[in-house]
C-alpha cells in the first residue's frame, strides 16, 4: 500500500467512478477563542495498491491526537481493494467526515494513518488562537 494523498479539508467526497471532490484543503485552524468546536473536518486519503492485491480485505485507522499526543478518537475504515482489468495499480479513496471536533488548546494536532498496528503517515493541523485585544487603560 502506498499513500498518494493524505490531507484535511472543509469538504470532500468520492464518487463511484473514483473521482475525488475536494474543497478547502487546510493545515491550520485560526480559532477566534479556545476552546472551540470545529463544525466539520474531512480527512482524506488516497491509497494505491498493486493489482495483485485486488479482492483483498484491508482495515486502516485514522487517529487524531492533541498537542500532548493524547488520542482524541480513532476512525476505522474497512474496504476490499477493487478488481481492475488494467495492469496499472488500483487506487482507493478514503473520505471521513468528523463532526463537532472539540479543540481546547492551541498547538499541533496530529492525524495519523495506521494499517493495523503499523504507523504509515502523519499530517498536522496547527491550531492558532486569535490574539486577544489588550485591555485599554484609563487615561
C-alpha atoms as a PDB file:
ATOM      1  CA  UNK A   1       0.000   0.000   0.000  1.00  0.00           C
ATOM      2  CA  UNK A   2       1.257   3.455  -0.920  1.00  0.00           C
ATOM      3  CA  UNK A   3      -0.287   6.706   0.323  1.00  0.00           C
ATOM      4  CA  UNK A   4      -0.733   9.027  -2.660  1.00  0.00           C
ATOM      5  CA  UNK A   5      -2.731  11.750  -0.868  1.00  0.00           C
ATOM      6  CA  UNK A   6      -3.405  12.451   2.809  1.00  0.00           C
ATOM      7  CA  UNK A   7      -4.895  15.776   3.957  1.00  0.00           C
ATOM      8  CA  UNK A   8      -7.664  17.618   5.809  1.00  0.00           C
ATOM      9  CA  UNK A   9     -10.319  19.707   4.064  1.00  0.00           C
ATOM     10  CA  UNK A  10     -13.525  21.630   4.665  1.00  0.00           C
ATOM     11  CA  UNK A  11     -15.382  19.193   2.395  1.00  0.00           C
ATOM     12  CA  UNK A  12     -14.593  16.068   0.404  1.00  0.00           C
ATOM     13  CA  UNK A  13     -16.456  13.273  -1.335  1.00  0.00           C
ATOM     14  CA  UNK A  14     -15.645  10.409  -3.663  1.00  0.00           C
ATOM     15  CA  UNK A  15     -17.973   9.106  -6.344  1.00  0.00           C
ATOM     16  CA  UNK A  16     -18.359   5.540  -7.575  1.00  0.00           C
ATOM     17  CA  UNK A  17     -16.032   6.169 -10.535  1.00  0.00           C
ATOM     18  CA  UNK A  18     -13.158   7.002  -8.171  1.00  0.00           C
ATOM     19  CA  UNK A  19     -13.282  10.764  -8.673  1.00  0.00           C
ATOM     20  CA  UNK A  20     -12.296  12.728  -5.576  1.00  0.00           C
ATOM     21  CA  UNK A  21     -14.084  16.065  -4.992  1.00  0.00           C
ATOM     22  CA  UNK A  22     -12.380  18.411  -2.502  1.00  0.00           C
ATOM     23  CA  UNK A  23     -12.914  21.961  -1.231  1.00  0.00           C
ATOM     24  CA  UNK A  24     -10.752  23.915   1.187  1.00  0.00           C
ATOM     25  CA  UNK A  25      -7.626  21.874   1.933  1.00  0.00           C
ATOM     26  CA  UNK A  26      -6.113  23.235   5.145  1.00  0.00           C
ATOM     27  CA  UNK A  27      -3.308  22.678   7.641  1.00  0.00           C
ATOM     28  CA  UNK A  28      -4.182  25.496  10.066  1.00  0.00           C
ATOM     29  CA  UNK A  29      -7.267  26.466  12.043  1.00  0.00           C
ATOM     30  CA  UNK A  30      -7.498  30.056  13.280  1.00  0.00           C
ATOM     31  CA  UNK A  31      -9.849  29.862  16.255  1.00  0.00           C
ATOM     32  CA  UNK A  32     -11.449  33.097  17.492  1.00  0.00           C
ATOM     33  CA  UNK A  33     -11.073  31.760  21.047  1.00  0.00           C
ATOM     34  CA  UNK A  34     -10.434  28.469  22.800  1.00  0.00           C
ATOM     35  CA  UNK A  35     -11.994  26.093  23.496  1.00  0.00           C
ATOM     36  CA  UNK A  36     -13.820  25.961  20.140  1.00  0.00           C
ATOM     37  CA  UNK A  37     -15.915  23.364  18.355  1.00  0.00           C
ATOM     38  CA  UNK A  38     -14.918  22.877  14.725  1.00  0.00           C
ATOM     39  CA  UNK A  39     -18.202  22.077  12.938  1.00  0.00           C
ATOM     40  CA  UNK A  40     -16.709  19.653  10.411  1.00  0.00           C
ATOM     41  CA  UNK A  41     -13.357  18.316   9.251  1.00  0.00           C
ATOM     42  CA  UNK A  42     -12.909  15.910   6.358  1.00  0.00           C
ATOM     43  CA  UNK A  43      -9.882  13.611   6.479  1.00  0.00           C
ATOM     44  CA  UNK A  44      -8.951  12.273   3.053  1.00  0.00           C
ATOM     45  CA  UNK A  45      -6.536   9.557   1.977  1.00  0.00           C
ATOM     46  CA  UNK A  46      -5.938   8.160  -1.470  1.00  0.00           C
ATOM     47  CA  UNK A  47      -4.241   4.791  -1.290  1.00  0.00           C
ATOM     48  CA  UNK A  48      -2.659   2.793  -4.086  1.00  0.00           C
ATOM     49  CA  UNK A  49      -2.406  -0.995  -4.172  1.00  0.00           C
ATOM     50  CA  UNK A  50      -0.641  -3.355  -6.505  1.00  0.00           C
ATOM     51  CA  UNK A  51      -3.055  -5.098  -8.850  1.00  0.00           C
ATOM     52  CA  UNK A  52      -2.132  -8.404  -7.168  1.00  0.00           C
ATOM     53  CA  UNK A  53      -3.918  -7.106  -4.012  1.00  0.00           C
ATOM     54  CA  UNK A  54      -7.290  -6.864  -5.810  1.00  0.00           C
ATOM     55  CA  UNK A  55     -10.013  -8.536  -3.777  1.00  0.00           C
ATOM     56  CA  UNK A  56      -8.062  -8.344  -0.515  1.00  0.00           C
ATOM     57  CA  UNK A  57      -9.698  -7.029   2.657  1.00  0.00           C
ATOM     58  CA  UNK A  58      -7.931  -4.121   4.416  1.00  0.00           C
ATOM     59  CA  UNK A  59      -8.538  -2.140   7.602  1.00  0.00           C
ATOM     60  CA  UNK A  60      -6.921   1.250   8.128  1.00  0.00           C
ATOM     61  CA  UNK A  61      -7.308   3.532  11.128  1.00  0.00           C
ATOM     62  CA  UNK A  62      -7.253   7.330  11.259  1.00  0.00           C
ATOM     63  CA  UNK A  63      -6.334   8.643  14.707  1.00  0.00           C
ATOM     64  CA  UNK A  64      -6.432  12.249  15.915  1.00  0.00           C
ATOM     65  CA  UNK A  65      -4.068  13.336  18.708  1.00  0.00           C
ATOM     66  CA  UNK A  66      -3.907  16.608  20.654  1.00  0.00           C
ATOM     67  CA  UNK A  67      -0.663  18.615  21.167  1.00  0.00           C
ATOM     68  CA  UNK A  68       0.240  16.417  24.181  1.00  0.00           C
ATOM     69  CA  UNK A  69      -0.220  13.348  21.928  1.00  0.00           C
ATOM     70  CA  UNK A  70      -3.336  12.192  23.775  1.00  0.00           C
ATOM     71  CA  UNK A  71      -5.529  10.225  21.369  1.00  0.00           C
ATOM     72  CA  UNK A  72      -8.850  12.033  20.849  1.00  0.00           C
ATOM     73  CA  UNK A  73     -10.512   9.466  18.593  1.00  0.00           C
ATOM     74  CA  UNK A  74      -9.969   6.603  16.148  1.00  0.00           C
ATOM     75  CA  UNK A  75     -11.876   6.039  12.917  1.00  0.00           C
ATOM     76  CA  UNK A  76     -11.680   2.539  11.422  1.00  0.00           C
ATOM     77  CA  UNK A  77     -12.065   2.121   7.648  1.00  0.00           C
ATOM     78  CA  UNK A  78     -12.656  -1.312   6.141  1.00  0.00           C
ATOM     79  CA  UNK A  79     -12.626  -1.969   2.419  1.00  0.00           C
ATOM     80  CA  UNK A  80     -11.855  -4.537  -0.239  1.00  0.00           C
ATOM     81  CA  UNK A  81      -9.368  -3.495  -2.908  1.00  0.00           C
ATOM     82  CA  UNK A  82     -11.383  -3.387  -6.129  1.00  0.00           C
ATOM     83  CA  UNK A  83     -10.520  -5.559  -9.093  1.00  0.00           C
ATOM     84  CA  UNK A  84      -9.258  -3.919 -12.245  1.00  0.00           C
ATOM     85  CA  UNK A  85      -8.981  -5.115 -15.802  1.00  0.00           C
ATOM     86  CA  UNK A  86      -5.903  -2.963 -16.262  1.00  0.00           C
ATOM     87  CA  UNK A  87      -2.299  -3.731 -15.368  1.00  0.00           C
ATOM     88  CA  UNK A  88      -1.960  -0.405 -13.530  1.00  0.00           C
ATOM     89  CA  UNK A  89      -2.120  -0.201  -9.706  1.00  0.00           C
ATOM     90  CA  UNK A  90      -5.552   0.151  -8.063  1.00  0.00           C
ATOM     91  CA  UNK A  91      -6.485   3.288  -6.123  1.00  0.00           C
ATOM     92  CA  UNK A  92      -8.864   3.507  -3.163  1.00  0.00           C
ATOM     93  CA  UNK A  93     -10.250   6.804  -1.845  1.00  0.00           C
ATOM     94  CA  UNK A  94     -10.975   7.046   1.886  1.00  0.00           C
ATOM     95  CA  UNK A  95     -13.062  10.045   2.966  1.00  0.00           C
ATOM     96  CA  UNK A  96     -14.167  10.578   6.572  1.00  0.00           C
ATOM     97  CA  UNK A  97     -16.270  13.500   7.825  1.00  0.00           C
ATOM     98  CA  UNK A  98     -15.807  14.265  11.506  1.00  0.00           C
ATOM     99  CA  UNK A  99     -18.490  16.415  13.118  1.00  0.00           C
ATOM    100  CA  UNK A 100     -18.162  18.819  16.052  1.00  0.00           C
ATOM    101  CA  UNK A 101     -14.480  18.410  16.923  1.00  0.00           C
ATOM    102  CA  UNK A 102     -13.694  19.989  20.302  1.00  0.00           C
ATOM    103  CA  UNK A 103     -10.364  21.841  20.298  1.00  0.00           C
ATOM    104  CA  UNK A 104      -9.311  23.010  23.752  1.00  0.00           C
ATOM    105  CA  UNK A 105      -5.708  24.150  23.372  1.00  0.00           C
ATOM    106  CA  UNK A 106      -3.579  25.734  20.649  1.00  0.00           C
ATOM    107  CA  UNK A 107      -0.736  23.792  19.062  1.00  0.00           C
ATOM    108  CA  UNK A 108      -0.102  20.959  16.636  1.00  0.00           C
ATOM    109  CA  UNK A 109      -2.774  18.285  16.374  1.00  0.00           C
ATOM    110  CA  UNK A 110      -1.724  15.081  14.625  1.00  0.00           C
ATOM    111  CA  UNK A 111      -3.747  12.901  12.266  1.00  0.00           C
ATOM    112  CA  UNK A 112      -2.069   9.527  11.877  1.00  0.00           C
ATOM    113  CA  UNK A 113      -2.865   6.797   9.397  1.00  0.00           C
ATOM    114  CA  UNK A 114      -2.338   3.205  10.525  1.00  0.00           C
ATOM    115  CA  UNK A 115      -2.617  -0.096   8.669  1.00  0.00           C
ATOM    116  CA  UNK A 116      -3.286  -2.492  11.525  1.00  0.00           C
ATOM    117  CA  UNK A 117      -0.707  -1.533  14.178  1.00  0.00           C
ATOM    118  CA  UNK A 118       1.753  -0.099  11.649  1.00  0.00           C
ATOM    119  CA  UNK A 119       2.006   3.698  11.513  1.00  0.00           C
ATOM    120  CA  UNK A 120       2.059   4.728   7.837  1.00  0.00           C
ATOM    121  CA  UNK A 121       1.836   8.530   7.659  1.00  0.00           C
ATOM    122  CA  UNK A 122       1.183  11.647   9.779  1.00  0.00           C
ATOM    123  CA  UNK A 123      -0.254  15.033   8.890  1.00  0.00           C
ATOM    124  CA  UNK A 124      -0.641  18.061  11.167  1.00  0.00           C
ATOM    125  CA  UNK A 125      -3.320  20.624  11.913  1.00  0.00           C
ATOM    126  CA  UNK A 126      -1.898  23.751  13.534  1.00  0.00           C
ATOM    127  CA  UNK A 127      -4.496  25.350  15.833  1.00  0.00           C
ATOM    128  CA  UNK A 128      -3.895  29.042  16.500  1.00  0.00           C
ATOM    129  CA  UNK A 129      -5.914  31.132  18.955  1.00  0.00           C
ATOM    130  CA  UNK A 130      -6.658  34.644  17.767  1.00  0.00           C
ATOM    131  CA  UNK A 131      -4.808  37.343  19.670  1.00  0.00           C
ATOM    132  CA  UNK A 132      -6.992  38.815  22.369  1.00  0.00           C
ATOM    133  CA  UNK A 133      -7.161  42.633  22.413  1.00  0.00           C
ATOM    134  CA  UNK A 134      -5.131  44.351  25.115  1.00  0.00           C
ATOM    135  CA  UNK A 135      -7.325  45.959  27.806  1.00  0.00           C
ATOM    136  CA  UNK A 136      -7.447  49.696  27.399  1.00  0.00           C
ATOM    137  CA  UNK A 137      -6.168  51.608  30.420  1.00  0.00           C
ATOM    138  CA  UNK A 138      -7.834  54.725  31.704  1.00  0.00           C
ATOM    139  CA  UNK A 139      -6.093  57.849  30.635  1.00  0.00           C
END
